């Protein structure tokens, strides 16, 4: 977990957040032991930005990884923050039970399962008619 936390912290330092000042880094652990990182990247056209969690997920998928064991988020807030709803939905596609640990600026941590944070996800099964 310490390695994931450091990777997420390093990613947070690279965040591009000139509008909100809210910097976030994420480290997503593949089941193969490889860590994929991401940071939030804001844009003056707010919907064009991307969260750290989805940024890490995109990096992992681009590298061919589709199975994940843990996600660690480090944010500049005092308290730990969970992923936003859009990130939860993106992550559930690959790891519905994913453990997620969030670390606040003062070192407080909180851990949830993705299933706990998104109890009724929209999945591929939702697309089937029958």
N, C-alpha and C. Protein backbone atom coordinates (compact mmCIF):
# COMPACT_ATOMS: atom_id res chain seq x y z
N UNK A 1 0.82 -1.20 0.00
CA UNK A 1 0.00 0.00 0.00
C UNK A 1 0.86 1.27 0.00
N UNK A 2 2.03 1.22 0.66
CA UNK A 2 2.90 2.40 0.70
C UNK A 2 3.38 2.78 -0.70
N UNK A 3 3.66 1.78 -1.52
CA UNK A 3 4.11 2.06 -2.89
C UNK A 3 2.98 2.72 -3.71
N UNK A 4 1.76 2.25 -3.52
CA UNK A 4 0.62 2.85 -4.20
C UNK A 4 0.39 4.29 -3.74
N UNK A 5 0.51 4.49 -2.45
CA UNK A 5 0.31 5.84 -1.90
C UNK A 5 1.36 6.81 -2.44
N UNK A 6 2.61 6.39 -2.50
CA UNK A 6 3.66 7.26 -3.04
C UNK A 6 3.45 7.54 -4.53
N UNK A 7 3.03 6.52 -5.28
CA UNK A 7 2.77 6.72 -6.70
C UNK A 7 1.62 7.70 -6.91
N UNK A 8 0.58 7.60 -6.09
CA UNK A 8 -0.56 8.51 -6.19
C UNK A 8 -0.15 9.92 -5.78
N UNK A 9 0.69 10.04 -4.76
CA UNK A 9 1.18 11.36 -4.33
C UNK A 9 2.00 12.03 -5.42
N UNK A 10 2.86 11.25 -6.06
CA UNK A 10 3.68 11.79 -7.15
C UNK A 10 2.79 12.25 -8.30
N UNK A 11 1.76 11.48 -8.61
CA UNK A 11 0.83 11.86 -9.67
C UNK A 11 0.09 13.14 -9.29
N UNK A 12 -0.30 13.26 -8.02
CA UNK A 12 -1.01 14.46 -7.57
C UNK A 12 -0.16 15.71 -7.79
N UNK A 13 1.13 15.59 -7.56
CA UNK A 13 2.01 16.75 -7.75
C UNK A 13 2.06 17.19 -9.22
N UNK A 14 1.73 16.29 -10.14
CA UNK A 14 1.73 16.62 -11.57
C UNK A 14 0.35 17.09 -12.06
N UNK A 15 -0.63 17.12 -11.20
CA UNK A 15 -1.99 17.50 -11.61
C UNK A 15 -2.01 18.91 -12.20
N UNK A 16 -2.92 19.09 -13.13
CA UNK A 16 -3.13 20.41 -13.75
C UNK A 16 -4.49 20.89 -13.28
N UNK A 17 -4.47 21.77 -12.27
CA UNK A 17 -5.73 22.22 -11.65
C UNK A 17 -5.72 23.73 -11.42
N UNK A 18 -5.55 24.52 -12.50
CA UNK A 18 -5.46 25.97 -12.33
C UNK A 18 -6.79 26.64 -11.95
N UNK A 19 -7.89 25.97 -12.14
CA UNK A 19 -9.20 26.59 -11.90
C UNK A 19 -9.72 26.28 -10.50
N UNK A 20 -9.66 25.03 -10.10
CA UNK A 20 -10.17 24.66 -8.78
C UNK A 20 -9.08 24.63 -7.72
N UNK A 21 -7.83 24.40 -8.13
CA UNK A 21 -6.76 24.23 -7.17
C UNK A 21 -6.84 22.89 -6.44
N UNK A 22 -7.78 22.04 -6.82
CA UNK A 22 -8.01 20.74 -6.19
C UNK A 22 -7.23 19.68 -6.95
N UNK A 23 -6.07 19.33 -6.41
CA UNK A 23 -5.17 18.39 -7.07
C UNK A 23 -5.43 16.98 -6.56
N UNK A 24 -5.48 16.03 -7.50
CA UNK A 24 -5.74 14.63 -7.16
C UNK A 24 -4.79 13.74 -7.95
N UNK A 25 -4.29 12.72 -7.29
CA UNK A 25 -3.49 11.69 -7.95
C UNK A 25 -4.08 10.33 -7.65
N UNK A 26 -3.94 9.42 -8.58
CA UNK A 26 -4.46 8.07 -8.40
C UNK A 26 -3.43 7.05 -8.83
N UNK A 27 -3.40 5.93 -8.11
CA UNK A 27 -2.54 4.81 -8.47
C UNK A 27 -3.41 3.56 -8.50
N UNK A 28 -3.49 2.95 -9.66
CA UNK A 28 -4.34 1.78 -9.88
C UNK A 28 -3.43 0.56 -10.04
N UNK A 29 -3.62 -0.42 -9.17
CA UNK A 29 -2.79 -1.61 -9.17
C UNK A 29 -3.44 -2.69 -10.03
N UNK A 30 -2.72 -3.11 -11.07
CA UNK A 30 -3.19 -4.22 -11.89
C UNK A 30 -2.99 -5.53 -11.15
N UNK A 31 -3.74 -6.54 -11.52
CA UNK A 31 -3.58 -7.85 -10.87
C UNK A 31 -2.22 -8.47 -11.19
N UNK A 32 -1.51 -7.89 -12.16
CA UNK A 32 -0.16 -8.35 -12.49
C UNK A 32 0.90 -7.66 -11.64
N UNK A 33 0.49 -6.76 -10.75
CA UNK A 33 1.43 -6.05 -9.88
C UNK A 33 1.94 -4.74 -10.43
N UNK A 34 1.57 -4.38 -11.64
CA UNK A 34 2.00 -3.12 -12.25
C UNK A 34 1.08 -2.00 -11.77
N UNK A 35 1.69 -0.84 -11.48
CA UNK A 35 0.95 0.33 -11.02
C UNK A 35 0.78 1.31 -12.17
N UNK A 36 -0.44 1.77 -12.37
CA UNK A 36 -0.77 2.76 -13.39
C UNK A 36 -1.23 4.01 -12.67
N UNK A 37 -0.68 5.16 -13.05
CA UNK A 37 -1.03 6.39 -12.34
C UNK A 37 -1.76 7.37 -13.24
N UNK A 38 -2.43 8.30 -12.58
CA UNK A 38 -3.13 9.37 -13.29
C UNK A 38 -3.30 10.56 -12.37
N UNK A 39 -3.45 11.71 -12.96
CA UNK A 39 -3.73 12.93 -12.20
C UNK A 39 -4.90 13.63 -12.87
N UNK A 40 -5.55 14.51 -12.12
CA UNK A 40 -6.63 15.26 -12.73
C UNK A 40 -6.05 16.34 -13.65
N UNK A 41 -6.74 16.55 -14.76
CA UNK A 41 -6.34 17.55 -15.75
C UNK A 41 -7.57 18.39 -16.05
N UNK A 42 -7.55 19.63 -15.55
CA UNK A 42 -8.69 20.53 -15.77
C UNK A 42 -8.58 21.21 -17.13
N UNK A 43 -9.67 21.82 -17.53
CA UNK A 43 -9.73 22.55 -18.80
C UNK A 43 -10.69 23.71 -18.60
N UNK A 44 -10.44 24.82 -19.28
CA UNK A 44 -11.33 25.97 -19.14
C UNK A 44 -12.76 25.64 -19.58
N UNK A 45 -12.91 24.69 -20.46
CA UNK A 45 -14.23 24.14 -20.79
C UNK A 45 -14.41 22.95 -19.86
N UNK A 46 -15.02 23.18 -18.70
CA UNK A 46 -15.02 22.23 -17.61
C UNK A 46 -15.35 20.78 -17.98
N UNK A 47 -16.29 20.50 -18.86
CA UNK A 47 -16.53 19.08 -19.17
C UNK A 47 -15.37 18.39 -19.88
N UNK A 48 -14.41 19.15 -20.39
CA UNK A 48 -13.28 18.56 -21.12
C UNK A 48 -12.19 18.04 -20.20
N UNK A 49 -12.29 18.30 -18.91
CA UNK A 49 -11.29 17.81 -17.96
C UNK A 49 -11.45 16.32 -17.71
N UNK A 50 -10.48 15.73 -17.02
CA UNK A 50 -10.56 14.31 -16.67
C UNK A 50 -10.04 14.13 -15.25
N UNK A 51 -10.69 13.25 -14.53
CA UNK A 51 -10.31 12.95 -13.15
C UNK A 51 -9.09 12.04 -13.12
N UNK A 52 -8.38 12.05 -12.01
CA UNK A 52 -7.19 11.22 -11.83
C UNK A 52 -7.51 9.74 -11.96
N UNK A 53 -8.64 9.32 -11.39
CA UNK A 53 -8.99 7.90 -11.40
C UNK A 53 -9.21 7.38 -12.82
N UNK A 54 -9.95 8.13 -13.63
CA UNK A 54 -10.18 7.71 -15.01
C UNK A 54 -8.90 7.84 -15.84
N UNK A 55 -8.08 8.81 -15.52
CA UNK A 55 -6.81 8.97 -16.21
C UNK A 55 -5.93 7.74 -15.98
N UNK A 56 -5.88 7.24 -14.73
CA UNK A 56 -5.12 6.02 -14.43
C UNK A 56 -5.73 4.81 -15.13
N UNK A 57 -7.05 4.74 -15.14
CA UNK A 57 -7.74 3.64 -15.80
C UNK A 57 -7.44 3.62 -17.30
N UNK A 58 -7.47 4.76 -17.92
CA UNK A 58 -7.17 4.86 -19.36
C UNK A 58 -5.73 4.42 -19.63
N UNK A 59 -4.80 4.84 -18.77
CA UNK A 59 -3.40 4.42 -18.95
C UNK A 59 -3.26 2.91 -18.85
N UNK A 60 -3.98 2.31 -17.89
CA UNK A 60 -3.91 0.86 -17.71
C UNK A 60 -4.50 0.12 -18.90
N UNK A 61 -5.66 0.55 -19.36
CA UNK A 61 -6.30 -0.11 -20.49
C UNK A 61 -5.42 0.05 -21.74
N UNK A 62 -4.83 1.23 -21.91
CA UNK A 62 -3.95 1.45 -23.05
C UNK A 62 -2.74 0.52 -23.01
N UNK A 63 -2.33 0.12 -21.81
CA UNK A 63 -1.21 -0.81 -21.65
C UNK A 63 -1.65 -2.27 -21.74
N UNK A 64 -2.95 -2.49 -21.93
CA UNK A 64 -3.45 -3.85 -22.08
C UNK A 64 -3.96 -4.49 -20.80
N UNK A 65 -4.01 -3.75 -19.70
CA UNK A 65 -4.44 -4.29 -18.42
C UNK A 65 -5.95 -4.06 -18.26
N UNK A 66 -6.68 -5.13 -17.93
CA UNK A 66 -8.14 -5.04 -17.76
C UNK A 66 -8.61 -5.55 -16.40
N UNK A 67 -7.68 -5.99 -15.55
CA UNK A 67 -8.05 -6.51 -14.23
C UNK A 67 -7.25 -5.78 -13.16
N UNK A 68 -7.96 -5.37 -12.09
CA UNK A 68 -7.34 -4.50 -11.09
C UNK A 68 -7.57 -5.01 -9.68
N UNK A 69 -6.58 -4.72 -8.80
CA UNK A 69 -6.61 -5.23 -7.44
C UNK A 69 -6.86 -4.15 -6.39
N UNK A 70 -6.47 -2.89 -6.66
CA UNK A 70 -6.62 -1.83 -5.65
C UNK A 70 -6.44 -0.48 -6.32
N UNK A 71 -7.13 0.51 -5.80
CA UNK A 71 -6.98 1.90 -6.25
C UNK A 71 -6.68 2.75 -5.03
N UNK A 72 -5.64 3.59 -5.11
CA UNK A 72 -5.34 4.55 -4.06
C UNK A 72 -5.45 5.94 -4.65
N UNK A 73 -6.15 6.80 -3.93
CA UNK A 73 -6.35 8.20 -4.33
C UNK A 73 -5.70 9.08 -3.27
N UNK A 74 -4.95 10.08 -3.70
CA UNK A 74 -4.40 11.08 -2.80
C UNK A 74 -4.90 12.43 -3.29
N UNK A 75 -5.52 13.18 -2.37
CA UNK A 75 -6.08 14.48 -2.75
C UNK A 75 -5.58 15.57 -1.81
N UNK A 76 -5.64 16.79 -2.28
CA UNK A 76 -5.21 17.93 -1.51
C UNK A 76 -6.22 18.39 -0.47
N UNK A 77 -7.27 17.66 -0.28
CA UNK A 77 -8.28 18.02 0.72
C UNK A 77 -7.87 17.51 2.09
N UNK A 78 -8.41 18.11 3.14
CA UNK A 78 -8.09 17.66 4.50
C UNK A 78 -8.54 16.23 4.74
N UNK A 79 -9.73 15.90 4.26
CA UNK A 79 -10.30 14.57 4.47
C UNK A 79 -10.19 13.73 3.22
N UNK A 80 -10.19 12.41 3.37
CA UNK A 80 -10.19 11.52 2.20
C UNK A 80 -11.46 11.74 1.38
N UNK A 81 -11.32 11.65 0.06
CA UNK A 81 -12.47 11.82 -0.83
C UNK A 81 -12.65 10.57 -1.69
N UNK A 82 -13.89 10.14 -1.87
CA UNK A 82 -14.13 9.00 -2.76
C UNK A 82 -14.13 9.45 -4.22
N UNK A 83 -14.06 8.53 -5.16
CA UNK A 83 -14.15 8.91 -6.57
C UNK A 83 -15.53 9.48 -6.88
N UNK A 84 -15.59 10.34 -7.88
CA UNK A 84 -16.88 10.89 -8.32
C UNK A 84 -17.71 9.78 -8.97
N UNK A 85 -18.96 10.07 -9.22
CA UNK A 85 -19.86 9.09 -9.82
C UNK A 85 -19.41 8.61 -11.19
N UNK A 86 -18.90 9.50 -12.00
CA UNK A 86 -18.44 9.12 -13.34
C UNK A 86 -17.26 8.15 -13.25
N UNK A 87 -16.34 8.41 -12.33
CA UNK A 87 -15.20 7.50 -12.15
C UNK A 87 -15.66 6.15 -11.60
N UNK A 88 -16.62 6.17 -10.68
CA UNK A 88 -17.15 4.91 -10.15
C UNK A 88 -17.73 4.07 -11.28
N UNK A 89 -18.49 4.71 -12.14
CA UNK A 89 -19.11 4.00 -13.26
C UNK A 89 -18.04 3.44 -14.21
N UNK A 90 -17.01 4.21 -14.48
CA UNK A 90 -15.94 3.75 -15.37
C UNK A 90 -15.20 2.56 -14.75
N UNK A 91 -14.92 2.61 -13.47
CA UNK A 91 -14.19 1.55 -12.80
C UNK A 91 -14.99 0.25 -12.68
N UNK A 92 -16.31 0.37 -12.50
CA UNK A 92 -17.13 -0.83 -12.30
C UNK A 92 -17.13 -1.72 -13.53
N UNK A 93 -16.84 -1.16 -14.67
CA UNK A 93 -16.75 -1.94 -15.91
C UNK A 93 -15.68 -3.04 -15.80
N UNK A 94 -14.65 -2.77 -15.01
CA UNK A 94 -13.51 -3.68 -14.93
C UNK A 94 -13.37 -4.39 -13.59
N UNK A 95 -13.79 -3.76 -12.51
CA UNK A 95 -13.55 -4.33 -11.17
C UNK A 95 -14.66 -3.94 -10.21
N UNK A 96 -15.81 -4.62 -10.29
CA UNK A 96 -16.97 -4.24 -9.47
C UNK A 96 -16.74 -4.27 -7.96
N UNK A 97 -15.78 -5.05 -7.50
CA UNK A 97 -15.51 -5.15 -6.05
C UNK A 97 -14.22 -4.43 -5.65
N UNK A 98 -13.67 -3.61 -6.52
CA UNK A 98 -12.37 -2.97 -6.32
C UNK A 98 -12.26 -2.28 -4.96
N UNK A 99 -11.22 -2.59 -4.17
CA UNK A 99 -10.97 -1.82 -2.96
C UNK A 99 -10.39 -0.45 -3.34
N UNK A 100 -10.90 0.59 -2.70
CA UNK A 100 -10.46 1.96 -2.98
C UNK A 100 -10.06 2.60 -1.66
N UNK A 101 -8.82 3.07 -1.59
CA UNK A 101 -8.33 3.77 -0.41
C UNK A 101 -8.06 5.21 -0.79
N UNK A 102 -8.57 6.12 0.01
CA UNK A 102 -8.36 7.55 -0.23
C UNK A 102 -7.58 8.13 0.94
N UNK A 103 -6.62 9.01 0.61
CA UNK A 103 -5.76 9.63 1.60
C UNK A 103 -5.91 11.15 1.50
N UNK A 104 -6.23 11.78 2.62
CA UNK A 104 -6.34 13.24 2.66
C UNK A 104 -4.99 13.88 2.94
N UNK A 105 -4.93 15.19 2.83
CA UNK A 105 -3.68 15.93 3.00
C UNK A 105 -3.08 15.78 4.39
N UNK A 106 -3.91 15.52 5.38
CA UNK A 106 -3.41 15.37 6.76
C UNK A 106 -3.09 13.91 7.10
N UNK A 107 -3.15 13.03 6.09
CA UNK A 107 -2.79 11.64 6.30
C UNK A 107 -3.94 10.73 6.69
N UNK A 108 -5.13 11.29 6.91
CA UNK A 108 -6.28 10.44 7.21
C UNK A 108 -6.57 9.55 6.01
N UNK A 109 -6.95 8.30 6.26
CA UNK A 109 -7.30 7.40 5.17
C UNK A 109 -8.67 6.80 5.42
N UNK A 110 -9.30 6.44 4.33
CA UNK A 110 -10.57 5.73 4.38
C UNK A 110 -10.58 4.74 3.22
N UNK A 111 -11.14 3.57 3.45
CA UNK A 111 -11.20 2.54 2.42
C UNK A 111 -12.64 2.07 2.25
N UNK A 112 -13.03 1.91 0.99
CA UNK A 112 -14.34 1.41 0.62
C UNK A 112 -14.16 0.35 -0.46
N UNK A 113 -15.20 -0.41 -0.71
CA UNK A 113 -15.22 -1.23 -1.92
C UNK A 113 -16.01 -0.45 -2.95
N UNK A 114 -15.71 -0.67 -4.21
CA UNK A 114 -16.46 0.00 -5.27
C UNK A 114 -17.93 -0.37 -5.19
N UNK A 115 -18.22 -1.63 -4.85
CA UNK A 115 -19.62 -2.07 -4.72
C UNK A 115 -20.34 -1.29 -3.63
N UNK A 116 -19.63 -0.92 -2.59
CA UNK A 116 -20.20 -0.11 -1.50
C UNK A 116 -20.52 1.30 -2.00
N UNK A 117 -19.63 1.87 -2.82
CA UNK A 117 -19.80 3.23 -3.32
C UNK A 117 -20.80 3.32 -4.48
N UNK A 118 -20.97 2.22 -5.20
CA UNK A 118 -21.88 2.20 -6.35
C UNK A 118 -22.70 0.91 -6.28
N UNK A 119 -23.73 0.89 -5.41
CA UNK A 119 -24.44 -0.36 -5.14
C UNK A 119 -25.34 -0.86 -6.27
N UNK A 120 -25.73 -0.02 -7.18
CA UNK A 120 -26.61 -0.45 -8.28
C UNK A 120 -26.06 0.08 -9.59
N UNK A 121 -24.93 -0.48 -10.06
CA UNK A 121 -24.28 0.06 -11.25
C UNK A 121 -25.01 -0.28 -12.55
N UNK A 122 -24.78 0.54 -13.53
CA UNK A 122 -25.22 0.25 -14.90
C UNK A 122 -24.11 -0.58 -15.51
N UNK A 123 -24.41 -1.79 -15.96
CA UNK A 123 -23.39 -2.70 -16.49
C UNK A 123 -23.81 -3.21 -17.87
N UNK A 124 -22.95 -4.01 -18.45
CA UNK A 124 -23.27 -4.62 -19.74
C UNK A 124 -24.56 -5.42 -19.68
N UNK A 125 -24.84 -6.03 -18.54
CA UNK A 125 -26.11 -6.76 -18.39
C UNK A 125 -27.31 -5.83 -18.52
N UNK A 126 -27.13 -4.56 -18.18
CA UNK A 126 -28.21 -3.57 -18.29
C UNK A 126 -28.61 -3.35 -19.75
N UNK A 127 -27.71 -3.65 -20.68
CA UNK A 127 -27.94 -3.41 -22.09
C UNK A 127 -28.70 -4.55 -22.77
N UNK A 128 -28.79 -5.66 -22.10
CA UNK A 128 -29.46 -6.83 -22.69
C UNK A 128 -30.95 -6.72 -22.57
N UNK A 129 -31.61 -6.99 -23.64
CA UNK A 129 -33.09 -6.98 -23.64
C UNK A 129 -33.57 -8.41 -23.54
N UNK A 130 -34.66 -8.60 -22.93
CA UNK A 130 -35.09 -9.98 -22.88
C UNK A 130 -36.33 -10.16 -22.18
